[in-house]
Amino acid sequence: MFNQVQTDLFRKHIGPFLFCFFTVMFLLLMQFLILHVDKLVGKGLPFLIVSELILSNLAYMVVLAVPMAVLVSTLIAFGKFSEWNELTAIRAAGINPIKLMAPIILAGVVLFGLMGYFSNYVLPESNHKARSLFLDIRMQKPAFDLQPGIFYEDLDGYTFLINDIDSETDSLYDVRVFQDATDNRKEAYINAERGWLESPDQYTLSLFLYNGSSLRFIPGERRDEQTLERSNFSTYRMSFDLTDLSFSRSNPEQRSRNDRTMSAQAMLAVVDTLRTEQQREIQKFKRNTGQDQQIPFHSEAGGSVNLIKGDLQDTLQIYQSDLIALKELPNPSAKISSINQAINSIDRYNSELDNLKSNVSWRDFRQAEFLVEVHKKFSIPFACIVFVFLGAPIGMLTRKGNLGVAALISGGLLTVYFIAIIQGEKLADRLIISPFWGMWGINIFFLAVGIILTLHVSTSIRITNLFRSDE
């Protein structure tokens, strides 16, 4: 299917692609750990839970790392091909350089298909599990960790204060325990010279105290009566239930989903529902304002103006108006009634209109948010194709196949690309531009630049010639 030159050029992409992919994955993973390490440390989380959280968040890293790796590997492979004068030999043999790009373009299309499927089906489920796990961790109480001179209050009903802890023997010195009153125990203050902790399992903790005293507050028969009971001890044992401190998982399927945890089909269904609700609100507005009837602002019969012969005797003209309808009314009373009715109708209309704008507006914003995510699921994977058309001609023109030059060029291009994606998403969410242009605008621009540069290196066509005048 492909000749030897095309096959060799394709193989030159594999090493740089894998190296760049795993490098970017490592950097993104380090960024994730730095941002969230404070949420994980000090809560006694099992290793498997932390590992599952990291693995769940690797999905979005893969979607970002693959297009980056495509760009860097394309710049390196075609840069080396040009640097070693292989491109010159190919041109001398009468072979169009664009044919060399055929297997790479095909690989880009395959990656686009795989990443599109991954982004639409695998990524939402991973995001949903990671979000659910994050919420469970956020609700998790810190582990039982005593620090010298610091009050520990995370065990319900108890407050601990330790003056000193021997790191070698784990002995506690100058121990104070404040015990809150419950149905099963009295309020108490306990102190001891020293103590130590023993935990037979992860749900039970025993505190052994030596040479101390306890002060218990015993309520009397009346509410304002209280008896203090003081006792000394040489050995005292307290047991605590650590069930509340153990990590508990919730069912992710019982949690609601947002735009980051839904597939494109699910989001389009939500968008269709929002549009149906908008049409329902518009019909409700027309019905409430009487626009679905022949006479707008229809009012009840009891509120209409009734003209009787007695009113005709009042010929006092208070209102001088240019409105023909008011001139036709026989007396001031009828005019006042008509004006008040018109004012009430306008006020009611404005109220219904404001309500319609509010109901339609927030649904427009929600539709934009979902449509942006739908386009993003395919626009970022499509960069695998765009970066082939962009990286190949740039690599041929630079004639440098080392990692430093490729990293410098790709760093600039990727910065522009992701800034455009982020800003396009913000503008589309605010309804300033359409979701399509917000997510696909930079792809279209880079693809156009890539095609122009490809034509430049493979044909005699020059864009600048189009703007020159014939002499």
Foldseek 3Di string as FASTA:
>chain_A
DDDPLLVVLVVLLPVQLVVQLVVQLVVVLVVVCVVCVVLPPQLPDDPVLVVLLSVLVSLVSNLQRNLLSLLLSLLQSLLQCQLVVVLVVCVVVVHFCVSSLVVLLVVLVVLLVVLLCSLQPVQLQSVLVNVQSSVLSNQAFGDPDDDAQDWDCRAPQKIKHFNDADPVVRKTAFIWMFGDDDPVDFTKIKTAGIWHWDDPDPFKIKIKGAWIKMWTWAADPDRPRIDIDIDTDGIDMDMGTCPSSDRDGDDSVVDDGDLSNHGLVVLVVVLVVLVVVLVVLVVVLCVQQVVVDPDTNDDDPVLADDDDPVQLVAQDDPDDDPDPVLVPDRHPVSNVSVVVSVVVSVVSNVVSVVVSCVSSVVSQLRNLLNLLSNLQSNLSSSSSSLSSLQSNLVSNVVSDNDSVVSCVVSVVVVVVVVVQLVVLSVCSSVVVDPSCCSRCVSSVVSSVVSVQSSCVSRHVDHPVVVVDDDD
